[in-house]
Amino acid sequence: MLSNIGFPGLILILVVALIVFGPSKLPEIGKAVGSSLREFKKATNDIMNENDDYNNKEKR
């Protein structure tokens, strides 16, 4: 779904975000979203590693 946005759609989203939140809040929102994505990715990788460890123990 997100791959179909394209450059004009991305510009429109950024303009709407700028109007709604204002220029002073956008860096804070970007930082919060980035840290949330980083935590989600780390948790996902941890779960996948635990699953791989569990599967490797069962095969022995």
PDB file of N, CA and C in Angstrom:
ATOM      1  N   MET A   1       0.822  -1.181   0.000  1.00  0.00           N
ATOM      2  CA  MET A   1       0.000   0.000   0.000  1.00  0.00           C
ATOM      3  C   MET A   1       0.871   1.251   0.000  1.00  0.00           C
ATOM      4  N   LEU A   2       1.884   1.286   0.845  1.00  0.00           N
ATOM      5  CA  LEU A   2       2.726   2.470   0.910  1.00  0.00           C
ATOM      6  C   LEU A   2       3.614   2.622  -0.319  1.00  0.00           C
ATOM      7  N   SER A   3       3.861   1.553  -1.021  1.00  0.00           N
ATOM      8  CA  SER A   3       4.702   1.645  -2.211  1.00  0.00           C
ATOM      9  C   SER A   3       3.980   2.335  -3.363  1.00  0.00           C
ATOM     10  N   ASN A   4       2.678   2.487  -3.272  1.00  0.00           N
ATOM     11  CA  ASN A   4       1.902   3.113  -4.334  1.00  0.00           C
ATOM     12  C   ASN A   4       1.673   4.605  -4.110  1.00  0.00           C
ATOM     13  N   ILE A   5       2.252   5.181  -3.060  1.00  0.00           N
ATOM     14  CA  ILE A   5       2.013   6.594  -2.759  1.00  0.00           C
ATOM     15  C   ILE A   5       2.650   7.481  -3.818  1.00  0.00           C
ATOM     16  N   GLY A   6       3.913   7.288  -4.092  1.00  0.00           N
ATOM     17  CA  GLY A   6       4.599   8.108  -5.077  1.00  0.00           C
ATOM     18  C   GLY A   6       5.053   9.432  -4.498  1.00  0.00           C
ATOM     19  N   PHE A   7       5.813  10.169  -5.298  1.00  0.00           N
ATOM     20  CA  PHE A   7       6.388  11.435  -4.849  1.00  0.00           C
ATOM     21  C   PHE A   7       5.335  12.515  -4.626  1.00  0.00           C
ATOM     22  N   PRO A   8       4.366  12.711  -5.545  1.00  0.00           N
ATOM     23  CA  PRO A   8       3.345  13.746  -5.302  1.00  0.00           C
ATOM     24  C   PRO A   8       2.511  13.464  -4.053  1.00  0.00           C
ATOM     25  N   GLY A   9       2.191  12.215  -3.803  1.00  0.00           N
ATOM     26  CA  GLY A   9       1.436  11.860  -2.606  1.00  0.00           C
ATOM     27  C   GLY A   9       2.228  12.122  -1.337  1.00  0.00           C
ATOM     28  N   LEU A  10       3.517  11.857  -1.388  1.00  0.00           N
ATOM     29  CA  LEU A  10       4.382  12.110  -0.245  1.00  0.00           C
ATOM     30  C   LEU A  10       4.463  13.604   0.059  1.00  0.00           C
ATOM     31  N   ILE A  11       4.580  14.417  -0.984  1.00  0.00           N
ATOM     32  CA  ILE A  11       4.604  15.872  -0.809  1.00  0.00           C
ATOM     33  C   ILE A  11       3.289  16.352  -0.187  1.00  0.00           C
ATOM     34  N   LEU A  12       2.162  15.824  -0.652  1.00  0.00           N
ATOM     35  CA  LEU A  12       0.865  16.199  -0.115  1.00  0.00           C
ATOM     36  C   LEU A  12       0.754  15.834   1.366  1.00  0.00           C
ATOM     37  N   ILE A  13       1.213  14.653   1.730  1.00  0.00           N
ATOM     38  CA  ILE A  13       1.180  14.229   3.131  1.00  0.00           C
ATOM     39  C   ILE A  13       2.034  15.153   3.990  1.00  0.00           C
ATOM     40  N   LEU A  14       3.222  15.514   3.515  1.00  0.00           N
ATOM     41  CA  LEU A  14       4.101  16.407   4.269  1.00  0.00           C
ATOM     42  C   LEU A  14       3.499  17.796   4.431  1.00  0.00           C
ATOM     43  N   VAL A  15       2.845  18.309   3.396  1.00  0.00           N
ATOM     44  CA  VAL A  15       2.212  19.627   3.477  1.00  0.00           C
ATOM     45  C   VAL A  15       1.066  19.597   4.486  1.00  0.00           C
ATOM     46  N   VAL A  16       0.247  18.552   4.450  1.00  0.00           N
ATOM     47  CA  VAL A  16      -0.860  18.434   5.397  1.00  0.00           C
ATOM     48  C   VAL A  16      -0.328  18.317   6.825  1.00  0.00           C
ATOM     49  N   ALA A  17       0.733  17.528   7.017  1.00  0.00           N
ATOM     50  CA  ALA A  17       1.330  17.406   8.348  1.00  0.00           C
ATOM     51  C   ALA A  17       1.881  18.745   8.822  1.00  0.00           C
ATOM     52  N   LEU A  18       2.472  19.506   7.927  1.00  0.00           N
ATOM     53  CA  LEU A  18       3.001  20.820   8.282  1.00  0.00           C
ATOM     54  C   LEU A  18       1.882  21.765   8.700  1.00  0.00           C
ATOM     55  N   ILE A  19       0.765  21.709   7.999  1.00  0.00           N
ATOM     56  CA  ILE A  19      -0.370  22.569   8.340  1.00  0.00           C
ATOM     57  C   ILE A  19      -0.992  22.151   9.670  1.00  0.00           C
ATOM     58  N   VAL A  20      -1.149  20.848   9.880  1.00  0.00           N
ATOM     59  CA  VAL A  20      -1.826  20.362  11.084  1.00  0.00           C
ATOM     60  C   VAL A  20      -0.959  20.546  12.328  1.00  0.00           C
ATOM     61  N   PHE A  21       0.316  20.150  12.264  1.00  0.00           N
ATOM     62  CA  PHE A  21       1.163  20.148  13.449  1.00  0.00           C
ATOM     63  C   PHE A  21       2.027  21.394  13.594  1.00  0.00           C
ATOM     64  N   GLY A  22       2.310  22.069  12.516  1.00  0.00           N
ATOM     65  CA  GLY A  22       3.165  23.251  12.581  1.00  0.00           C
ATOM     66  C   GLY A  22       4.643  22.872  12.478  1.00  0.00           C
ATOM     67  N   PRO A  23       5.456  23.844  12.094  1.00  0.00           N
ATOM     68  CA  PRO A  23       6.877  23.543  11.856  1.00  0.00           C
ATOM     69  C   PRO A  23       7.662  23.220  13.122  1.00  0.00           C
ATOM     70  N   SER A  24       7.206  23.653  14.281  1.00  0.00           N
ATOM     71  CA  SER A  24       7.968  23.389  15.502  1.00  0.00           C
ATOM     72  C   SER A  24       7.756  21.975  16.021  1.00  0.00           C
ATOM     73  N   LYS A  25       6.626  21.358  15.734  1.00  0.00           N
ATOM     74  CA  LYS A  25       6.323  20.018  16.239  1.00  0.00           C
ATOM     75  C   LYS A  25       6.818  18.899  15.329  1.00  0.00           C
ATOM     76  N   LEU A  26       7.040  19.175  14.052  1.00  0.00           N
ATOM     77  CA  LEU A  26       7.411  18.109  13.113  1.00  0.00           C
ATOM     78  C   LEU A  26       8.699  17.383  13.499  1.00  0.00           C
ATOM     79  N   PRO A  27       9.779  18.065  13.906  1.00  0.00           N
ATOM     80  CA  PRO A  27      10.983  17.320  14.305  1.00  0.00           C
ATOM     81  C   PRO A  27      10.746  16.401  15.506  1.00  0.00           C
ATOM     82  N   GLU A  28       9.935  16.861  16.453  1.00  0.00           N
ATOM     83  CA  GLU A  28       9.626  16.026  17.611  1.00  0.00           C
ATOM     84  C   GLU A  28       8.837  14.781  17.198  1.00  0.00           C
ATOM     85  N   ILE A  29       7.885  14.968  16.302  1.00  0.00           N
ATOM     86  CA  ILE A  29       7.071  13.847  15.829  1.00  0.00           C
ATOM     87  C   ILE A  29       7.937  12.868  15.046  1.00  0.00           C
ATOM     88  N   GLY A  30       8.808  13.383  14.191  1.00  0.00           N
ATOM     89  CA  GLY A  30       9.707  12.520  13.428  1.00  0.00           C
ATOM     90  C   GLY A  30      10.623  11.714  14.324  1.00  0.00           C
ATOM     91  N   LYS A  31      11.142  12.347  15.367  1.00  0.00           N
ATOM     92  CA  LYS A  31      12.019  11.643  16.301  1.00  0.00           C
ATOM     93  C   LYS A  31      11.248  10.552  17.041  1.00  0.00           C
ATOM     94  N   ALA A  32      10.022  10.846  17.457  1.00  0.00           N
ATOM     95  CA  ALA A  32       9.210   9.866  18.165  1.00  0.00           C
ATOM     96  C   ALA A  32       8.866   8.678  17.264  1.00  0.00           C
ATOM     97  N   VAL A  33       8.510   8.965  16.019  1.00  0.00           N
ATOM     98  CA  VAL A  33       8.186   7.889  15.082  1.00  0.00           C
ATOM     99  C   VAL A  33       9.431   7.031  14.809  1.00  0.00           C
ATOM    100  N   GLY A  34      10.573   7.676  14.630  1.00  0.00           N
ATOM    101  CA  GLY A  34      11.809   6.942  14.384  1.00  0.00           C
ATOM    102  C   GLY A  34      12.192   6.038  15.537  1.00  0.00           C
ATOM    103  N   SER A  35      12.079   6.534  16.757  1.00  0.00           N
ATOM    104  CA  SER A  35      12.430   5.703  17.912  1.00  0.00           C
ATOM    105  C   SER A  35      11.423   4.570  18.089  1.00  0.00           C
ATOM    106  N   SER A  36      10.161   4.829  17.794  1.00  0.00           N
ATOM    107  CA  SER A  36       9.154   3.765  17.881  1.00  0.00           C
ATOM    108  C   SER A  36       9.422   2.668  16.862  1.00  0.00           C
ATOM    109  N   LEU A  37       9.756   3.062  15.644  1.00  0.00           N
ATOM    110  CA  LEU A  37      10.077   2.067  14.608  1.00  0.00           C
ATOM    111  C   LEU A  37      11.317   1.268  14.976  1.00  0.00           C
ATOM    112  N   ARG A  38      12.313   1.935  15.556  1.00  0.00           N
ATOM    113  CA  ARG A  38      13.542   1.256  15.973  1.00  0.00           C
ATOM    114  C   ARG A  38      13.242   0.209  17.050  1.00  0.00           C
ATOM    115  N   GLU A  39      12.412   0.579  18.038  1.00  0.00           N
ATOM    116  CA  GLU A  39      12.037  -0.361  19.094  1.00  0.00           C
ATOM    117  C   GLU A  39      11.238  -1.532  18.531  1.00  0.00           C
ATOM    118  N   PHE A  40      10.312  -1.248  17.611  1.00  0.00           N
ATOM    119  CA  PHE A  40       9.509  -2.310  17.005  1.00  0.00           C
ATOM    120  C   PHE A  40      10.391  -3.280  16.227  1.00  0.00           C
ATOM    121  N   LYS A  41      11.344  -2.741  15.466  1.00  0.00           N
ATOM    122  CA  LYS A  41      12.241  -3.591  14.687  1.00  0.00           C
ATOM    123  C   LYS A  41      13.103  -4.452  15.603  1.00  0.00           C
ATOM    124  N   LYS A  42      13.596  -3.869  16.702  1.00  0.00           N
ATOM    125  CA  LYS A  42      14.417  -4.618  17.646  1.00  0.00           C
ATOM    126  C   LYS A  42      13.603  -5.744  18.284  1.00  0.00           C
ATOM    127  N   ALA A  43      12.367  -5.442  18.688  1.00  0.00           N
ATOM    128  CA  ALA A  43      11.512  -6.462  19.294  1.00  0.00           C
ATOM    129  C   ALA A  43      11.191  -7.568  18.299  1.00  0.00           C
ATOM    130  N   THR A  44      10.943  -7.207  17.062  1.00  0.00           N
ATOM    131  CA  THR A  44      10.666  -8.206  16.026  1.00  0.00           C
ATOM    132  C   THR A  44      11.868  -9.109  15.803  1.00  0.00           C
ATOM    133  N   ASN A  45      13.060  -8.523  15.736  1.00  0.00           N
ATOM    134  CA  ASN A  45      14.269  -9.320  15.559  1.00  0.00           C
ATOM    135  C   ASN A  45      14.517 -10.234  16.753  1.00  0.00           C
ATOM    136  N   ASP A  46      14.250  -9.753  17.964  1.00  0.00           N
ATOM    137  CA  ASP A  46      14.412 -10.584  19.153  1.00  0.00           C
ATOM    138  C   ASP A  46      13.469 -11.781  19.114  1.00  0.00           C
ATOM    139  N   ILE A  47      12.228 -11.544  18.727  1.00  0.00           N
ATOM    140  CA  ILE A  47      11.254 -12.634  18.650  1.00  0.00           C
ATOM    141  C   ILE A  47      11.672 -13.644  17.585  1.00  0.00           C
ATOM    142  N   MET A  48      12.142 -13.159  16.442  1.00  0.00           N
ATOM    143  CA  MET A  48      12.571 -14.070  15.375  1.00  0.00           C
ATOM    144  C   MET A  48      13.780 -14.883  15.808  1.00  0.00           C
ATOM    145  N   ASN A  49      14.723 -14.260  16.527  1.00  0.00           N
ATOM    146  CA  ASN A  49      15.893 -14.983  17.005  1.00  0.00           C
ATOM    147  C   ASN A  49      15.516 -16.041  18.031  1.00  0.00           C
ATOM    148  N   GLU A  50      14.578 -15.715  18.926  1.00  0.00           N
ATOM    149  CA  GLU A  50      14.109 -16.701  19.900  1.00  0.00           C
ATOM    150  C   GLU A  50      13.435 -17.870  19.194  1.00  0.00           C
ATOM    151  N   ASN A  51      12.662 -17.575  18.166  1.00  0.00           N
ATOM    152  CA  ASN A  51      11.987 -18.626  17.413  1.00  0.00           C
ATOM    153  C   ASN A  51      13.012 -19.510  16.702  1.00  0.00           C
ATOM    154  N   ASP A  52      14.046 -18.910  16.120  1.00  0.00           N
ATOM    155  CA  ASP A  52      15.086 -19.688  15.455  1.00  0.00           C
ATOM    156  C   ASP A  52      15.825 -20.573  16.449  1.00  0.00           C
ATOM    157  N   ASP A  53      16.129 -20.022  17.631  1.00  0.00           N
ATOM    158  CA  ASP A  53      16.795 -20.815  18.666  1.00  0.00           C
ATOM    159  C   ASP A  53      15.931 -21.993  19.089  1.00  0.00           C
ATOM    160  N   TYR A  54      14.648 -21.758  19.244  1.00  0.00           N
ATOM    161  CA  TYR A  54      13.731 -22.817  19.641  1.00  0.00           C
ATOM    162  C   TYR A  54      13.661 -23.901  18.570  1.00  0.00           C
ATOM    163  N   ASN A  55      13.584 -23.493  17.306  1.00  0.00           N
ATOM    164  CA  ASN A  55      13.521 -24.461  16.213  1.00  0.00           C
ATOM    165  C   ASN A  55      14.813 -25.253  16.092  1.00  0.00           C
ATOM    166  N   ASN A  56      15.948 -24.615  16.320  1.00  0.00           N
ATOM    167  CA  ASN A  56      17.229 -25.323  16.241  1.00  0.00           C
ATOM    168  C   ASN A  56      17.362 -26.331  17.373  1.00  0.00           C
ATOM    169  N   LYS A  57      16.841 -26.044  18.547  1.00  0.00           N
ATOM    170  CA  LYS A  57      16.901 -26.985  19.677  1.00  0.00           C
ATOM    171  C   LYS A  57      16.022 -28.198  19.414  1.00  0.00           C
ATOM    172  N   GLU A  58      14.880 -27.994  18.757  1.00  0.00           N
ATOM    173  CA  GLU A  58      13.976 -29.116  18.477  1.00  0.00           C
ATOM    174  C   GLU A  58      14.551 -30.056  17.438  1.00  0.00           C
ATOM    175  N   LYS A  59      15.343 -29.563  16.515  1.00  0.00           N
ATOM    176  CA  LYS A  59      15.898 -30.384  15.438  1.00  0.00           C
ATOM    177  C   LYS A  59      16.994 -31.321  15.949  1.00  0.00           C
ATOM    178  N   ARG A  60      17.579 -30.999  17.064  1.00  0.00           N
ATOM    179  CA  ARG A  60      18.684 -31.829  17.594  1.00  0.00           C
ATOM    180  C   ARG A  60      18.215 -33.105  18.180  1.00  0.00           C
TER     181      ARG A  60
END
